[in-house]
C-alpha cells in the first residue's frame, strides 16, 4: 500500500507584524517627540490628526462605520485639539457639546440604537484630545506631563503585546477586540508602571510609589 505524505502547513508566527511595529516606532517616535517638544500649533495639529484616526476606528467599532458619524466625530476632535492651543478650552468644550448633541439627534433620527458606547463616543474621543493640548500649554510641567503619558502608554503597549503573544490565554474582550488577552492586560500594567517610574527618574520627580501605582492604573 502506498503511503501518501501530507503537506504540513506551518502555523502563522505569533510574532507576525513585529517587524512592522518596530519600523513604525523607529520612524514615528522621534517625530512625535520632536513635535511634542515644539508644542503650540504643531502639537495641536498632531493631536488633531491622531483624533481623526481614532474617530475613524471608533465609529467603525461602535457606530457601524457611519460616514456621517465619522464626520461629526472628526469635527469634534479637531475642535477639541485646535481651539485649546489658543487658550480657548471652554469654547472648545462648548462646541464639542454642540457637535455631540447633533450626533445624538442624527442617531435618533436614523433609528440607530444608541447604546452606552454610541452615546458617549464624542466626549470619549474629544475630551482627552482637549486635555492633552491644554496640558501641554503649561510652561512648568506641560512637557514632562506629556512625556510621562507617552512613556506609560508606549511601554504598556509594548509589554501588553509581549505578554499577550508569549502567554496568551483567555480573551479580555472577544467581541470588541478579539486579540486582547488578560495576560496582555497584566503586561500593560507592568509596562505602565515601568514607564511611569523611568520617566519620573529621568525627570527628577518624587513620589515613585504613587507614580508607579498611577502608571499601572493608567494602563
Protein backbone atom coordinates (compact mmCIF):
# COMPACT_ATOMS: atom_id res chain seq x y z
CA UNK A 1 0.00 0.00 0.00
CA UNK A 2 1.34 3.38 -1.00
CA UNK A 3 1.68 5.92 1.74
CA UNK A 4 0.98 9.50 0.78
CA UNK A 5 2.91 12.19 2.55
CA UNK A 6 0.93 15.04 3.93
CA UNK A 7 1.96 18.62 3.42
CA UNK A 8 2.34 20.26 6.76
CA UNK A 9 1.36 23.91 6.64
CA UNK A 10 3.25 25.87 9.28
CA UNK A 11 1.08 27.90 11.59
CA UNK A 12 1.40 31.66 11.33
CA UNK A 13 4.04 33.10 13.60
CA UNK A 14 2.66 34.62 16.75
CA UNK A 15 5.10 37.47 16.23
CA UNK A 16 3.77 38.32 12.79
CA UNK A 17 3.82 42.07 12.32
CA UNK A 18 6.54 42.68 14.91
CA UNK A 19 8.99 43.95 12.31
CA UNK A 20 6.44 46.45 11.01
CA UNK A 21 5.75 47.66 14.54
CA UNK A 22 9.45 48.19 15.21
CA UNK A 23 9.98 50.02 11.92
CA UNK A 24 6.96 52.25 12.52
CA UNK A 25 8.14 53.04 16.05
CA UNK A 26 11.65 53.87 14.84
CA UNK A 27 10.21 56.44 12.44
CA UNK A 28 7.25 57.80 14.38
CA UNK A 29 8.59 58.08 17.94
CA UNK A 30 11.33 60.63 17.08
CA UNK A 31 8.79 62.63 15.06
CA UNK A 32 6.26 62.60 17.89
CA UNK A 33 8.88 63.63 20.45
CA UNK A 34 10.11 66.47 18.23
CA UNK A 35 6.59 67.80 17.67
CA UNK A 36 5.82 67.50 21.38
CA UNK A 37 8.94 69.49 22.22
CA UNK A 38 7.89 72.22 19.74
CA UNK A 39 4.42 72.41 21.29
CA UNK A 40 1.93 75.06 20.18
CA UNK A 41 0.08 74.58 16.92
CA UNK A 42 2.46 71.78 15.91
CA UNK A 43 1.43 69.66 18.86
CA UNK A 44 -2.24 70.60 18.44
CA UNK A 45 -2.11 69.57 14.78
CA UNK A 46 -0.59 66.22 15.68
CA UNK A 47 -3.26 65.62 18.31
CA UNK A 48 -5.96 66.53 15.78
CA UNK A 49 -4.54 64.01 13.28
CA UNK A 50 -4.46 61.31 15.96
CA UNK A 51 -8.03 62.23 16.91
CA UNK A 52 -9.25 61.84 13.32
CA UNK A 53 -7.67 58.39 13.14
CA UNK A 54 -9.29 57.49 16.46
CA UNK A 55 -12.65 58.78 15.20
CA UNK A 56 -12.40 56.52 12.15
CA UNK A 57 -11.58 53.49 14.29
CA UNK A 58 -14.21 54.20 16.94
CA UNK A 59 -17.05 54.86 14.52
CA UNK A 60 -16.18 51.58 12.80
CA UNK A 61 -16.30 49.69 16.11
CA UNK A 62 -19.22 51.37 17.86
CA UNK A 63 -21.28 53.07 15.15
CA UNK A 64 -21.33 50.66 12.25
CA UNK A 65 -18.89 52.69 10.17
CA UNK A 66 -21.39 55.53 9.60
CA UNK A 67 -19.81 58.19 7.39
CA UNK A 68 -21.94 60.95 8.89
CA UNK A 69 -20.93 59.97 12.40
CA UNK A 70 -17.30 59.86 11.36
CA UNK A 71 -17.54 63.42 10.02
CA UNK A 72 -19.17 64.62 13.25
CA UNK A 73 -16.67 62.80 15.45
CA UNK A 74 -13.73 64.07 13.38
CA UNK A 75 -15.09 67.62 13.60
CA UNK A 76 -15.38 67.30 17.37
CA UNK A 77 -11.80 66.08 17.85
CA UNK A 78 -10.39 68.77 15.54
CA UNK A 79 -12.24 71.46 17.52
CA UNK A 80 -11.05 69.87 20.77
CA UNK A 81 -7.44 69.84 19.61
CA UNK A 82 -7.08 73.19 17.86
CA UNK A 83 -9.06 75.65 19.98
CA UNK A 84 -7.29 74.91 23.31
CA UNK A 85 -3.99 75.72 21.56
CA UNK A 86 -5.24 79.32 21.55
CA UNK A 87 -6.25 79.17 25.23
CA UNK A 88 -9.89 78.64 24.27
CA UNK A 89 -10.59 75.48 26.26
CA UNK A 90 -14.11 76.38 27.41
CA UNK A 91 -15.31 77.49 23.93
CA UNK A 92 -13.82 74.28 22.56
CA UNK A 93 -15.77 72.15 25.03
CA UNK A 94 -18.95 74.12 24.31
CA UNK A 95 -18.59 73.50 20.57
CA UNK A 96 -17.83 69.83 21.20
CA UNK A 97 -21.04 69.61 23.24
CA UNK A 98 -22.93 71.18 20.33
CA UNK A 99 -21.50 68.64 17.86
CA UNK A 100 -22.25 65.87 20.36
CA UNK A 101 -25.91 66.89 20.50
CA UNK A 102 -26.02 66.90 16.69
CA UNK A 103 -24.54 63.41 16.64
CA UNK A 104 -27.19 62.12 19.06
CA UNK A 105 -30.01 63.79 17.11
CA UNK A 106 -28.88 62.21 13.84
CA UNK A 107 -28.60 58.82 15.52
CA UNK A 108 -32.12 59.09 16.88
CA UNK A 109 -33.48 60.36 13.57
CA UNK A 110 -31.96 57.44 11.67
CA UNK A 111 -33.43 54.92 14.07
CA UNK A 112 -29.95 53.83 15.13
CA UNK A 113 -29.75 52.16 18.51
CA UNK A 114 -27.97 54.50 20.94
CA UNK A 115 -26.15 52.27 23.39
CA UNK A 116 -23.63 53.32 26.02
CA UNK A 117 -20.69 53.39 23.60
CA UNK A 118 -22.58 55.38 20.98
CA UNK A 119 -23.98 57.88 23.48
CA UNK A 120 -20.62 58.85 24.99
CA UNK A 121 -18.41 58.36 21.95
CA UNK A 122 -17.81 62.03 21.11
CA UNK A 123 -16.76 63.14 24.62
CA UNK A 124 -14.84 59.86 24.96
CA UNK A 125 -12.70 60.92 21.98
CA UNK A 126 -12.72 64.70 22.15
CA UNK A 127 -12.25 65.50 25.83
CA UNK A 128 -8.88 63.68 26.12
CA UNK A 129 -7.69 65.49 22.99
CA UNK A 130 -8.56 68.86 24.52
CA UNK A 131 -6.91 67.77 27.76
CA UNK A 132 -3.66 66.82 26.04
CA UNK A 133 -3.36 70.14 24.23
CA UNK A 134 -4.34 72.17 27.30
CA UNK A 135 -1.89 70.21 29.45
CA UNK A 136 0.97 70.85 27.02
CA UNK A 137 0.38 74.61 27.39
CA UNK A 138 1.61 74.55 31.00
CA UNK A 139 5.03 76.27 30.97
CA UNK A 140 6.21 74.46 34.09
CA UNK A 141 5.02 70.87 33.79
CA UNK A 142 3.36 70.55 30.39
CA UNK A 143 6.22 68.92 28.50
CA UNK A 144 7.11 66.49 31.30
CA UNK A 145 3.44 65.55 31.79
CA UNK A 146 3.00 64.70 28.10
CA UNK A 147 6.26 62.73 28.04
CA UNK A 148 5.06 60.82 31.11
CA UNK A 149 1.86 59.88 29.26
CA UNK A 150 3.87 58.74 26.24
CA UNK A 151 6.25 56.66 28.40
CA UNK A 152 3.38 54.95 30.18
CA UNK A 153 1.36 54.28 27.03
CA UNK A 154 4.26 53.11 24.88
CA UNK A 155 5.72 50.73 27.48
CA UNK A 156 2.25 49.49 28.41
CA UNK A 157 1.50 48.73 24.77
CA UNK A 158 4.89 47.06 24.25
CA UNK A 159 4.64 44.74 27.25
CA UNK A 160 0.96 44.05 26.57
CA UNK A 161 1.97 42.81 23.12
CA UNK A 162 4.86 40.76 24.55
CA UNK A 163 2.82 39.18 27.36
CA UNK A 164 -0.17 38.53 25.11
CA UNK A 165 1.87 36.84 22.40
CA UNK A 166 4.05 34.86 24.82
CA UNK A 167 1.48 33.78 27.40
CA UNK A 168 -1.83 34.05 25.55
CA UNK A 169 -4.77 32.63 27.46
CA UNK A 170 -8.33 33.87 27.98
CA UNK A 171 -9.58 36.79 25.93
CA UNK A 172 -10.21 40.15 27.56
CA UNK A 173 -12.95 41.48 25.26
CA UNK A 174 -13.51 38.95 22.46
CA UNK A 175 -16.32 40.83 20.73
CA UNK A 176 -14.72 44.27 20.72
CA UNK A 177 -11.05 43.34 20.32
CA UNK A 178 -10.52 39.59 19.84
CA UNK A 179 -6.71 39.77 20.05
CA UNK A 180 -6.62 41.22 23.57
CA UNK A 181 -5.98 38.84 26.48
CA UNK A 182 -5.89 39.08 30.26
CA UNK A 183 -2.17 38.30 30.06
CA UNK A 184 -1.80 41.30 27.80
CA UNK A 185 -3.58 43.47 30.36
CA UNK A 186 -1.15 42.27 33.04
CA UNK A 187 1.73 43.15 30.74
CA UNK A 188 0.21 46.56 30.11
CA UNK A 189 0.05 47.24 33.85
CA UNK A 190 3.67 46.21 34.33
CA UNK A 191 4.71 48.35 31.37
CA UNK A 192 2.70 51.32 32.58
CA UNK A 193 4.32 51.12 36.00
CA UNK A 194 7.81 50.86 34.49
CA UNK A 195 7.20 53.72 32.08
CA UNK A 196 5.98 55.90 34.92
CA UNK A 197 8.94 55.37 37.24
CA UNK A 198 11.54 55.52 34.43
CA UNK A 199 10.21 58.90 33.29
CA UNK A 200 9.97 60.06 36.91
CA UNK A 201 13.61 59.08 37.49
CA UNK A 202 14.72 60.81 34.27
CA UNK A 203 12.82 64.00 35.12
CA UNK A 204 13.90 64.04 38.76
CA UNK A 205 10.37 63.68 40.12
CA UNK A 206 9.49 62.48 43.59
CA UNK A 207 6.79 60.07 44.76
CA UNK A 208 7.95 56.94 42.93
CA UNK A 209 5.44 54.65 44.65
CA UNK A 210 2.46 56.84 43.83
CA UNK A 211 3.62 57.26 40.22
CA UNK A 212 4.16 53.50 39.90
CA UNK A 213 0.59 52.82 41.02
CA UNK A 214 -0.81 55.57 38.80
CA UNK A 215 1.12 54.21 35.81
CA UNK A 216 -0.22 50.69 36.38
CA UNK A 217 -3.76 52.00 36.76
CA UNK A 218 -3.38 54.19 33.68
CA UNK A 219 -2.81 51.06 31.60
